């Protein structure tokens, strides 16, 4: 949901095979939610406001089965560059 340039997450739900790992609910200029899986690539959904509309971008991280993420959600492995951008969904 957007209010000016501020966005916040109202709800989120993982697909089958995923769990929610980390949520930055907002409000802020950018919010995000990590969906982690033991079988599939992990996905971070980042939402920003553009022209008053929430725009979501999916950032895909090759699956490491949770082995390289630290307690505060930081990534210690991979280059993080294998990310696909799609502008879908709403905040």
N, C-alpha and C. Protein backbone atom coordinates (compact mmCIF):
# COMPACT_ATOMS: atom_id res chain seq x y z
N UNK A 1 0.84 -1.15 0.00
CA UNK A 1 0.00 0.00 0.00
C UNK A 1 0.90 1.23 0.00
N UNK A 2 0.52 2.21 -0.81
CA UNK A 2 1.31 3.43 -0.92
C UNK A 2 0.57 4.62 -0.33
N UNK A 3 1.36 5.51 0.25
CA UNK A 3 0.89 6.82 0.67
C UNK A 3 2.01 7.78 0.33
N UNK A 4 1.87 8.47 -0.78
CA UNK A 4 2.97 9.29 -1.29
C UNK A 4 4.10 8.39 -1.72
N UNK A 5 5.31 8.66 -1.17
CA UNK A 5 6.44 7.81 -1.51
C UNK A 5 6.71 6.74 -0.45
N UNK A 6 5.80 6.63 0.53
CA UNK A 6 5.95 5.62 1.58
C UNK A 6 5.11 4.39 1.24
N UNK A 7 5.69 3.23 1.48
CA UNK A 7 5.01 1.97 1.19
C UNK A 7 5.08 1.08 2.42
N UNK A 8 4.09 0.22 2.58
CA UNK A 8 4.15 -0.78 3.63
C UNK A 8 3.41 -2.02 3.17
N UNK A 9 3.83 -3.15 3.71
CA UNK A 9 3.22 -4.43 3.38
C UNK A 9 1.98 -4.61 4.24
N UNK A 10 0.90 -5.02 3.62
CA UNK A 10 -0.34 -5.26 4.32
C UNK A 10 -0.48 -6.75 4.63
N UNK A 11 -0.14 -7.59 3.67
CA UNK A 11 -0.21 -9.04 3.87
C UNK A 11 0.73 -9.73 2.91
N UNK A 12 1.07 -10.97 3.22
CA UNK A 12 1.93 -11.78 2.37
C UNK A 12 1.65 -13.24 2.72
N UNK A 13 1.88 -14.11 1.75
CA UNK A 13 1.63 -15.53 1.95
C UNK A 13 2.55 -16.32 1.03
N UNK A 14 3.31 -17.25 1.57
CA UNK A 14 4.23 -18.02 0.73
C UNK A 14 3.51 -19.07 -0.10
N UNK A 15 4.04 -19.33 -1.27
CA UNK A 15 3.55 -20.44 -2.09
C UNK A 15 3.93 -21.76 -1.42
N UNK A 16 3.30 -22.83 -1.84
CA UNK A 16 3.62 -24.16 -1.33
C UNK A 16 5.10 -24.43 -1.52
N UNK A 17 5.76 -24.94 -0.48
CA UNK A 17 7.19 -25.23 -0.53
C UNK A 17 8.07 -24.10 -0.04
N UNK A 18 7.45 -22.97 0.30
CA UNK A 18 8.18 -21.81 0.80
C UNK A 18 7.72 -21.46 2.21
N UNK A 19 8.57 -20.72 2.92
CA UNK A 19 8.23 -20.16 4.23
C UNK A 19 8.74 -18.72 4.25
N UNK A 20 8.14 -17.91 5.08
CA UNK A 20 8.57 -16.52 5.24
C UNK A 20 9.79 -16.51 6.15
N UNK A 21 10.86 -15.86 5.69
CA UNK A 21 12.10 -15.83 6.45
C UNK A 21 12.33 -14.48 7.11
N UNK A 22 12.07 -13.39 6.42
CA UNK A 22 12.37 -12.07 6.96
C UNK A 22 11.41 -11.07 6.32
N UNK A 23 10.85 -10.18 7.14
CA UNK A 23 9.90 -9.19 6.64
C UNK A 23 10.34 -7.80 7.10
N UNK A 24 10.40 -6.88 6.15
CA UNK A 24 10.56 -5.46 6.45
C UNK A 24 9.23 -4.84 6.04
N UNK A 25 8.36 -4.65 7.00
CA UNK A 25 6.97 -4.30 6.78
C UNK A 25 6.76 -2.83 6.39
N UNK A 26 7.62 -1.93 6.86
CA UNK A 26 7.47 -0.52 6.57
C UNK A 26 6.69 0.18 7.66
N UNK A 27 6.31 1.41 7.48
CA UNK A 27 6.43 2.15 6.23
C UNK A 27 7.86 2.58 5.95
N UNK A 28 8.14 2.76 4.69
CA UNK A 28 9.44 3.21 4.24
C UNK A 28 9.44 3.42 2.74
N UNK A 29 10.56 3.84 2.22
CA UNK A 29 10.70 4.03 0.78
C UNK A 29 10.70 2.69 0.05
N UNK A 30 11.11 1.63 0.78
CA UNK A 30 11.19 0.28 0.21
C UNK A 30 10.90 -0.71 1.32
N UNK A 31 10.10 -1.73 1.02
CA UNK A 31 9.82 -2.80 1.96
C UNK A 31 10.08 -4.12 1.27
N UNK A 32 10.21 -5.20 2.06
CA UNK A 32 10.54 -6.48 1.43
C UNK A 32 10.10 -7.64 2.30
N UNK A 33 10.00 -8.80 1.66
CA UNK A 33 9.74 -10.05 2.35
C UNK A 33 10.55 -11.14 1.64
N UNK A 34 11.24 -11.99 2.45
CA UNK A 34 12.00 -13.12 1.92
C UNK A 34 11.16 -14.36 2.02
N UNK A 35 11.09 -15.11 0.92
CA UNK A 35 10.46 -16.42 0.90
C UNK A 35 11.58 -17.43 0.68
N UNK A 36 11.76 -18.32 1.63
CA UNK A 36 12.86 -19.28 1.59
C UNK A 36 12.30 -20.68 1.42
N UNK A 37 13.07 -21.52 0.74
CA UNK A 37 12.66 -22.90 0.49
C UNK A 37 13.86 -23.82 0.63
N UNK A 38 13.60 -25.04 1.04
CA UNK A 38 14.65 -26.05 1.08
C UNK A 38 14.79 -26.76 -0.26
N UNK A 39 13.85 -26.53 -1.17
CA UNK A 39 13.84 -27.25 -2.44
C UNK A 39 13.95 -26.35 -3.66
N UNK A 40 13.60 -25.09 -3.52
CA UNK A 40 13.55 -24.17 -4.65
C UNK A 40 14.43 -22.96 -4.37
N UNK A 41 14.65 -22.14 -5.40
CA UNK A 41 15.40 -20.90 -5.22
C UNK A 41 14.65 -19.99 -4.24
N UNK A 42 15.40 -19.29 -3.40
CA UNK A 42 14.81 -18.33 -2.48
C UNK A 42 14.42 -17.08 -3.26
N UNK A 43 13.40 -16.38 -2.78
CA UNK A 43 12.90 -15.19 -3.48
C UNK A 43 12.69 -14.07 -2.47
N UNK A 44 13.24 -12.90 -2.80
CA UNK A 44 12.95 -11.69 -2.05
C UNK A 44 12.02 -10.84 -2.91
N UNK A 45 10.91 -10.42 -2.33
CA UNK A 45 10.00 -9.51 -3.02
C UNK A 45 10.21 -8.13 -2.41
N UNK A 46 10.60 -7.18 -3.27
CA UNK A 46 10.86 -5.81 -2.84
C UNK A 46 9.76 -4.93 -3.45
N UNK A 47 9.17 -4.07 -2.61
CA UNK A 47 8.07 -3.22 -3.07
C UNK A 47 8.45 -1.76 -2.84
N UNK A 48 8.21 -0.93 -3.87
CA UNK A 48 8.42 0.51 -3.82
C UNK A 48 7.18 1.20 -4.39
N UNK A 49 7.02 2.45 -4.10
CA UNK A 49 5.94 3.22 -4.71
C UNK A 49 6.47 3.96 -5.93
N UNK A 50 5.75 3.84 -7.02
CA UNK A 50 6.08 4.56 -8.25
C UNK A 50 4.79 5.21 -8.75
N UNK A 51 4.78 6.52 -8.80
CA UNK A 51 3.61 7.28 -9.22
C UNK A 51 2.38 6.90 -8.40
N UNK A 52 2.59 6.68 -7.09
CA UNK A 52 1.50 6.38 -6.19
C UNK A 52 1.01 4.94 -6.21
N UNK A 53 1.66 4.08 -7.00
CA UNK A 53 1.28 2.68 -7.10
C UNK A 53 2.38 1.79 -6.55
N UNK A 54 2.00 0.74 -5.82
CA UNK A 54 2.97 -0.22 -5.31
C UNK A 54 3.46 -1.08 -6.47
N UNK A 55 4.78 -1.18 -6.60
CA UNK A 55 5.40 -1.98 -7.65
C UNK A 55 6.32 -2.99 -6.98
N UNK A 56 6.08 -4.27 -7.25
CA UNK A 56 6.87 -5.34 -6.64
C UNK A 56 7.88 -5.88 -7.64
N UNK A 57 9.08 -6.16 -7.14
CA UNK A 57 10.13 -6.77 -7.95
C UNK A 57 10.57 -8.04 -7.23
N UNK A 58 10.60 -9.15 -7.97
CA UNK A 58 11.05 -10.42 -7.42
C UNK A 58 12.54 -10.57 -7.67
N UNK A 59 13.31 -10.81 -6.61
CA UNK A 59 14.74 -11.02 -6.72
C UNK A 59 15.02 -12.47 -6.34
N UNK A 60 15.46 -13.26 -7.30
CA UNK A 60 15.66 -14.69 -7.09
C UNK A 60 17.11 -14.95 -6.70
N UNK A 61 17.28 -15.72 -5.63
CA UNK A 61 18.61 -16.12 -5.16
C UNK A 61 18.72 -17.63 -5.29
N UNK A 62 19.74 -18.12 -5.97
CA UNK A 62 19.89 -19.57 -6.09
C UNK A 62 19.84 -20.23 -4.71
N UNK A 63 19.14 -21.34 -4.63
CA UNK A 63 18.93 -22.02 -3.36
C UNK A 63 20.23 -22.52 -2.76
N UNK A 64 20.44 -22.17 -1.48
CA UNK A 64 21.59 -22.69 -0.74
C UNK A 64 21.12 -23.49 0.47
N UNK A 65 19.82 -23.79 0.49
CA UNK A 65 19.20 -24.55 1.58
C UNK A 65 19.43 -23.88 2.92
N UNK A 66 19.53 -22.55 2.93
CA UNK A 66 19.66 -21.79 4.17
C UNK A 66 21.06 -21.78 4.74
N UNK A 67 22.04 -22.32 4.04
CA UNK A 67 23.36 -22.49 4.59
C UNK A 67 24.22 -21.24 4.68
N UNK A 68 23.91 -20.20 3.89
CA UNK A 68 24.79 -19.04 3.85
C UNK A 68 24.15 -17.77 4.39
N UNK A 69 22.98 -17.86 4.99
CA UNK A 69 22.34 -16.66 5.54
C UNK A 69 22.62 -16.61 7.03
N UNK A 70 22.99 -15.43 7.51
CA UNK A 70 23.27 -15.30 8.93
C UNK A 70 22.00 -14.93 9.70
N UNK A 71 22.11 -14.77 11.00
CA UNK A 71 20.96 -14.56 11.85
C UNK A 71 20.18 -13.30 11.52
N UNK A 72 20.84 -12.25 11.03
CA UNK A 72 20.11 -11.04 10.71
C UNK A 72 19.67 -10.98 9.26
N UNK A 73 19.74 -12.12 8.55
CA UNK A 73 19.24 -12.20 7.19
C UNK A 73 20.26 -11.85 6.14
N UNK A 74 21.50 -11.55 6.53
CA UNK A 74 22.54 -11.20 5.57
C UNK A 74 22.98 -12.40 4.76
N UNK A 75 23.39 -12.16 3.56
CA UNK A 75 23.83 -13.22 2.67
C UNK A 75 25.35 -13.26 2.66
N UNK A 76 25.90 -14.43 2.95
CA UNK A 76 27.35 -14.57 2.97
C UNK A 76 27.85 -15.44 1.82
N UNK A 77 26.98 -15.83 0.92
CA UNK A 77 27.42 -16.69 -0.17
C UNK A 77 26.85 -16.23 -1.48
N UNK A 78 27.44 -16.68 -2.57
CA UNK A 78 26.96 -16.33 -3.89
C UNK A 78 27.18 -14.87 -4.20
N UNK A 79 26.96 -14.54 -5.45
CA UNK A 79 27.17 -13.16 -5.83
C UNK A 79 25.86 -12.37 -5.84
N UNK A 80 24.75 -13.07 -5.66
CA UNK A 80 23.47 -12.40 -5.60
C UNK A 80 23.05 -11.77 -6.91
N UNK A 81 23.77 -12.05 -7.99
CA UNK A 81 23.47 -11.40 -9.26
C UNK A 81 22.48 -12.19 -10.10
N UNK A 82 22.17 -13.41 -9.75
CA UNK A 82 21.21 -14.21 -10.50
C UNK A 82 19.81 -13.82 -10.05
N UNK A 83 19.39 -12.62 -10.46
CA UNK A 83 18.12 -12.10 -9.99
C UNK A 83 17.28 -11.70 -11.18
N UNK A 84 16.05 -12.15 -11.18
CA UNK A 84 15.15 -11.77 -12.26
C UNK A 84 14.22 -10.69 -11.75
N UNK A 85 13.97 -9.71 -12.56
CA UNK A 85 13.08 -8.63 -12.15
C UNK A 85 11.74 -8.75 -12.84
N UNK A 86 10.67 -8.77 -12.07
CA UNK A 86 9.34 -8.72 -12.65
C UNK A 86 8.54 -7.73 -11.85
N UNK A 87 7.86 -6.89 -12.52
CA UNK A 87 7.05 -5.88 -11.84
C UNK A 87 5.62 -6.35 -11.78
N UNK A 88 5.29 -7.07 -10.72
CA UNK A 88 3.95 -7.57 -10.56
C UNK A 88 3.55 -7.49 -9.11
N UNK A 89 2.26 -7.60 -8.88
CA UNK A 89 1.78 -7.63 -7.51
C UNK A 89 1.60 -6.23 -6.96
N UNK A 90 1.15 -6.21 -5.71
CA UNK A 90 0.97 -4.94 -5.02
C UNK A 90 1.32 -5.11 -3.57
N UNK A 91 1.64 -3.99 -2.92
CA UNK A 91 2.09 -4.01 -1.54
C UNK A 91 1.05 -4.20 -0.56
